[in-house]
Amino acid sequence: MAVWDPTYPRKEAWLSFFAKLTSKNVVWKAQWMPLKAVIYRCRDFHSMPLLGPRGGVNYTPLLVLRQVWLKQFIPPTHNLQESDFSYDPEDCQGKKRQAVCAWKSIRKIKDKGHYEGVISGYEAWQANRRKNIIDISQGR
């Protein structure tokens, strides 16, 4: 059983530390990591359909491109509800077939260099997105 060591920093210290972080304090990519083309969508899906044992889910790699120092994009948010599904008996085969066929036609972002910045509009999108995140530290 894990026990919290009283010598560890308190929760308030961690909250203060993370609140002060800026993009200049964080290294987003290991310097030794080679830059490769990144898959960002499959055929008509706005992202990448991933199949699992009980259904399919939608994965949007455009949300994490900064980790490989590529340009940040505002990810598509329309029609996402159509991408997640469970294997129900009615249209299960059709949805699985669509996802498998989509992987035969992938699209990649090929980039020749690293970018430290973001495209216009991304920072505003990210700021608005942050407003919708609930701070669990409040009221506890």
Protein backbone atom coordinates (compact mmCIF):
# COMPACT_ATOMS: atom_id res chain seq x y z
CA MET A 1 0.00 0.00 0.00
CA ALA A 2 1.38 3.40 -0.99
CA VAL A 3 1.65 5.96 1.77
CA TRP A 4 2.06 9.68 1.20
CA ASP A 5 5.41 10.83 2.55
CA PRO A 6 5.00 14.10 4.52
CA THR A 7 8.29 15.35 3.04
CA TYR A 8 6.74 15.45 -0.44
CA PRO A 9 5.56 18.87 -1.64
CA ARG A 10 2.00 19.69 -0.69
CA LYS A 11 -0.82 19.90 -3.22
CA GLU A 12 -0.72 23.72 -3.13
CA ALA A 13 2.98 23.70 -4.08
CA TRP A 14 2.26 21.50 -7.10
CA LEU A 15 -0.68 23.68 -8.18
CA SER A 16 1.51 26.77 -7.91
CA PHE A 17 4.33 25.09 -9.85
CA PHE A 18 2.11 23.99 -12.74
CA ALA A 19 0.24 27.31 -12.85
CA LYS A 20 3.53 29.14 -13.48
CA LEU A 21 4.66 26.92 -16.36
CA THR A 22 4.84 28.45 -19.82
CA SER A 23 5.65 26.95 -23.20
CA LYS A 24 9.24 28.16 -22.74
CA ASN A 25 9.61 26.00 -19.60
CA VAL A 26 8.53 22.79 -21.31
CA VAL A 27 10.50 20.78 -23.86
CA TRP A 28 7.84 19.30 -26.13
CA LYS A 29 10.02 16.75 -27.91
CA ALA A 30 13.15 14.79 -27.23
CA GLN A 31 15.91 16.43 -29.28
CA TRP A 32 17.18 13.05 -30.49
CA MET A 33 13.80 11.92 -31.82
CA PRO A 34 13.75 11.86 -35.64
CA LEU A 35 11.02 13.79 -37.41
CA LYS A 36 8.71 11.52 -39.39
CA ALA A 37 5.50 12.00 -41.31
CA VAL A 38 2.54 11.87 -38.93
CA ILE A 39 -0.78 10.20 -39.77
CA TYR A 40 -3.55 12.66 -38.99
CA ARG A 41 -6.65 11.20 -40.63
CA CYS A 42 -7.98 8.24 -42.58
CA ARG A 43 -10.07 8.63 -45.73
CA ASP A 44 -13.40 10.34 -44.91
CA PHE A 45 -12.95 10.17 -41.14
CA HIS A 46 -11.88 13.51 -39.63
CA SER A 47 -9.40 11.62 -37.51
CA MET A 48 -8.37 7.98 -37.15
CA PRO A 49 -10.80 5.16 -36.32
CA LEU A 50 -9.31 2.66 -33.88
CA LEU A 51 -11.00 -0.72 -33.51
CA GLY A 52 -11.08 -2.53 -30.19
CA PRO A 53 -12.67 -5.72 -28.85
CA ARG A 54 -16.02 -4.01 -28.07
CA GLY A 55 -16.22 -1.23 -30.63
CA GLY A 56 -14.46 1.60 -32.35
CA VAL A 57 -13.24 4.95 -31.07
CA ASN A 58 -12.09 8.16 -32.65
CA TYR A 59 -8.45 9.27 -32.19
CA THR A 60 -7.43 12.81 -33.13
CA PRO A 61 -3.65 13.10 -33.39
CA LEU A 62 -3.94 16.76 -34.40
CA LEU A 63 -4.38 17.49 -30.68
CA VAL A 64 -0.87 16.26 -29.85
CA LEU A 65 1.25 17.43 -32.79
CA ARG A 66 3.12 19.88 -30.59
CA GLN A 67 4.80 16.89 -28.96
CA VAL A 68 6.64 16.26 -32.22
CA TRP A 69 7.16 19.99 -32.89
CA LEU A 70 4.83 20.17 -35.83
CA LYS A 71 2.41 22.98 -36.51
CA GLN A 72 -0.64 23.02 -34.29
CA PHE A 73 -4.01 22.89 -36.00
CA ILE A 74 -7.51 23.48 -34.76
CA PRO A 75 -8.83 19.91 -34.83
CA PRO A 76 -12.14 19.20 -36.51
CA THR A 77 -14.97 18.78 -34.04
CA HIS A 78 -17.89 18.09 -36.35
CA ASN A 79 -19.25 14.58 -36.99
CA LEU A 80 -17.16 13.13 -34.16
CA GLN A 81 -20.19 11.42 -32.63
CA GLU A 82 -20.44 9.26 -35.75
CA SER A 83 -16.94 7.90 -35.28
CA ASP A 84 -17.43 6.12 -31.94
CA PHE A 85 -19.53 2.97 -32.01
CA SER A 86 -20.08 -0.31 -30.24
CA TYR A 87 -20.37 -3.66 -31.97
CA ASP A 88 -24.14 -3.96 -32.12
CA PRO A 89 -25.69 -6.67 -34.27
CA GLU A 90 -27.47 -4.25 -36.63
CA ASP A 91 -24.78 -2.30 -38.48
CA CYS A 92 -21.64 -3.69 -36.87
CA GLN A 93 -20.13 -5.20 -40.02
CA GLY A 94 -20.70 -2.03 -42.04
CA LYS A 95 -18.97 0.20 -39.48
CA LYS A 96 -16.06 -2.21 -39.07
CA ARG A 97 -15.66 -2.40 -42.85
CA GLN A 98 -15.68 1.42 -43.10
CA ALA A 99 -12.95 1.71 -40.47
CA VAL A 100 -10.78 -0.98 -42.07
CA CYS A 101 -11.17 0.57 -45.53
CA ALA A 102 -10.33 4.01 -44.12
CA TRP A 103 -6.95 2.71 -42.97
CA LYS A 104 -6.15 1.80 -46.59
CA SER A 105 -6.22 5.50 -47.42
CA ILE A 106 -4.33 7.37 -44.71
CA ARG A 107 -3.23 10.99 -44.87
CA LYS A 108 0.03 12.17 -43.39
CA ILE A 109 1.52 15.52 -42.55
CA LYS A 110 4.95 15.67 -44.09
CA ASP A 111 7.02 18.43 -42.70
CA LYS A 112 10.63 19.37 -43.31
CA GLY A 113 11.30 21.21 -40.10
CA HIS A 114 10.25 21.86 -36.57
CA TYR A 115 8.00 24.72 -35.57
CA GLU A 116 8.03 26.31 -32.19
CA GLY A 117 4.95 28.36 -32.90
CA VAL A 118 1.39 27.61 -33.79
CA ILE A 119 -0.85 28.59 -36.67
CA SER A 120 -3.06 31.61 -36.22
CA GLY A 121 -6.27 30.83 -34.42
CA TYR A 122 -4.93 27.82 -32.51
CA GLU A 123 -4.02 29.78 -29.38
CA ALA A 124 -7.50 31.35 -29.26
CA TRP A 125 -9.09 27.93 -29.72
CA GLN A 126 -6.94 26.48 -26.93
CA ALA A 127 -7.77 29.39 -24.58
CA ASN A 128 -11.50 28.90 -25.16
CA ARG A 129 -11.10 25.15 -24.63
CA ARG A 130 -9.36 25.78 -21.30
CA LYS A 131 -12.40 27.73 -20.06
CA ASN A 132 -14.48 24.55 -20.28
CA ILE A 133 -12.11 22.52 -18.10
CA ILE A 134 -13.33 22.13 -14.54
CA ASP A 135 -10.71 22.81 -11.87
CA ILE A 136 -11.10 19.92 -9.43
CA SER A 137 -8.98 21.69 -6.82
CA GLN A 138 -11.71 24.30 -6.25
CA GLY A 139 -14.04 23.48 -3.39
CA ARG A 140 -11.91 20.71 -1.92
